[in-house]
N, C-alpha and C. Protein backbone atom coordinates (compact mmCIF):
# COMPACT_ATOMS: atom_id res chain seq x y z
N MET A 1 -124.82 79.64 6.59
CA MET A 1 -125.67 79.18 5.21
C MET A 1 -124.47 79.10 3.96
N LYS A 2 -124.90 78.20 3.32
CA LYS A 2 -124.16 77.46 2.35
C LYS A 2 -124.20 78.39 0.81
N VAL A 3 -122.99 79.06 0.19
CA VAL A 3 -124.05 79.64 -1.40
C VAL A 3 -123.52 78.90 -2.58
N LYS A 4 -124.30 78.29 -3.83
CA LYS A 4 -124.04 77.34 -4.46
C LYS A 4 -124.78 77.56 -5.32
N ASN A 5 -124.52 77.16 -6.06
CA ASN A 5 -124.55 77.10 -7.36
C ASN A 5 -125.85 77.22 -7.91
N SER A 6 -126.02 75.42 -7.51
CA SER A 6 -127.17 74.58 -7.74
C SER A 6 -127.60 74.48 -6.32
N LEU A 7 -129.02 74.32 -5.98
CA LEU A 7 -129.99 74.02 -4.95
C LEU A 7 -130.54 72.82 -4.95
N ARG A 8 -130.20 72.23 -6.28
CA ARG A 8 -131.72 70.52 -6.18
C ARG A 8 -130.92 70.22 -5.37
N SER A 9 -129.73 69.69 -5.49
CA SER A 9 -128.81 68.80 -4.35
C SER A 9 -129.07 69.16 -2.89
N LEU A 10 -129.50 70.45 -2.92
CA LEU A 10 -129.26 70.67 -1.03
C LEU A 10 -130.43 70.52 -0.44
N LYS A 11 -132.00 70.46 -2.02
CA LYS A 11 -133.21 70.41 -1.34
C LYS A 11 -133.39 68.86 -0.89
N ASN A 12 -132.80 68.47 -1.66
CA ASN A 12 -132.60 66.40 -1.42
C ASN A 12 -132.50 66.49 -0.37
N ARG A 13 -131.75 66.76 0.66
CA ARG A 13 -130.88 66.72 1.66
C ARG A 13 -131.82 66.10 2.39
N HIS A 14 -133.20 66.96 2.86
CA HIS A 14 -133.82 66.82 3.99
C HIS A 14 -135.28 66.40 3.44
N ARG A 15 -136.24 66.20 4.24
CA ARG A 15 -137.18 65.89 3.74
C ARG A 15 -138.21 67.30 3.37
N GLU A 16 -138.12 67.99 4.30
CA GLU A 16 -138.91 69.45 4.32
C GLU A 16 -137.78 70.55 4.58
N CYS A 17 -137.57 70.42 3.46
CA CYS A 17 -136.52 71.25 2.56
C CYS A 17 -137.00 72.14 1.41
N ARG A 18 -137.33 73.54 1.57
CA ARG A 18 -138.52 74.22 0.62
C ARG A 18 -137.41 75.01 -0.19
N VAL A 19 -137.40 75.25 -1.46
CA VAL A 19 -137.22 76.49 -2.09
C VAL A 19 -138.10 77.33 -2.10
N VAL A 20 -136.91 78.69 -1.64
CA VAL A 20 -137.83 79.73 -1.95
C VAL A 20 -137.08 81.24 -2.81
N ARG A 21 -138.08 81.61 -3.25
CA ARG A 21 -137.14 82.95 -4.01
C ARG A 21 -137.65 84.39 -2.88
N ARG A 22 -136.62 85.23 -2.46
CA ARG A 22 -136.88 86.58 -1.73
C ARG A 22 -135.78 87.22 -2.07
N LYS A 23 -136.46 88.02 -3.03
CA LYS A 23 -135.56 89.74 -3.09
C LYS A 23 -135.00 89.23 -4.19
N GLY A 24 -135.28 88.20 -5.37
CA GLY A 24 -134.45 88.02 -6.02
C GLY A 24 -133.39 86.91 -6.46
N ARG A 25 -133.41 86.66 -5.17
CA ARG A 25 -132.22 85.12 -4.74
C ARG A 25 -132.93 83.92 -3.99
N VAL A 26 -132.60 82.39 -4.69
CA VAL A 26 -133.20 81.42 -3.91
C VAL A 26 -132.46 81.12 -2.83
N TYR A 27 -133.64 80.27 -2.05
CA TYR A 27 -133.04 80.12 -1.18
C TYR A 27 -133.56 78.91 -0.61
N VAL A 28 -133.15 78.22 -0.53
CA VAL A 28 -133.25 76.99 0.90
C VAL A 28 -133.39 76.93 2.14
N ILE A 29 -134.60 76.36 2.81
CA ILE A 29 -135.07 77.33 4.26
C ILE A 29 -135.57 75.15 4.99
N ASN A 30 -135.24 75.57 6.59
CA ASN A 30 -136.27 73.78 6.29
C ASN A 30 -136.62 74.56 7.65
N LYS A 31 -137.63 74.00 8.55
CA LYS A 31 -138.09 74.88 9.58
C LYS A 31 -137.85 74.27 11.06
N THR A 32 -137.47 72.97 10.15
CA THR A 32 -137.41 71.87 11.44
C THR A 32 -135.84 71.92 11.87
N HIS A 33 -134.89 71.52 11.20
CA HIS A 33 -133.18 71.45 11.27
C HIS A 33 -132.86 72.36 10.04
N ARG A 34 -132.44 73.65 11.38
CA ARG A 34 -131.83 75.10 10.56
C ARG A 34 -130.70 74.82 9.88
N ARG A 35 -129.92 73.92 10.35
CA ARG A 35 -128.54 73.96 9.53
C ARG A 35 -128.96 73.64 8.18
N PHE A 36 -129.93 73.24 7.20
CA PHE A 36 -129.99 73.21 5.98
C PHE A 36 -130.41 74.42 5.05
N LYS A 37 -129.88 75.38 5.27
CA LYS A 37 -129.68 76.00 5.33
C LYS A 37 -129.25 77.35 3.33
N ALA A 38 -129.42 77.34 2.50
CA ALA A 38 -128.62 78.00 0.91
C ALA A 38 -129.17 78.48 1.29
N ARG A 39 -128.09 79.26 -0.33
CA ARG A 39 -128.68 80.58 -0.53
C ARG A 39 -127.82 80.61 -2.60
N GLN A 40 -128.53 80.45 -3.65
CA GLN A 40 -127.98 80.17 -4.23
C GLN A 40 -127.48 81.51 -5.35
N GLY A 41 -126.02 81.94 -5.33
CA GLY A 41 -125.45 82.45 -6.68
C GLY A 41 -124.16 83.16 -5.66
């Protein structure tokens, strides 16, 4: 999982990426390709 300051560019890497808020943190998740995971902060 990557830790980035800005997740907008990571969301555009694949068309199934979703930006999700969990426990005060922002995540990028992808159900089909698990390697596109990222967390903000």
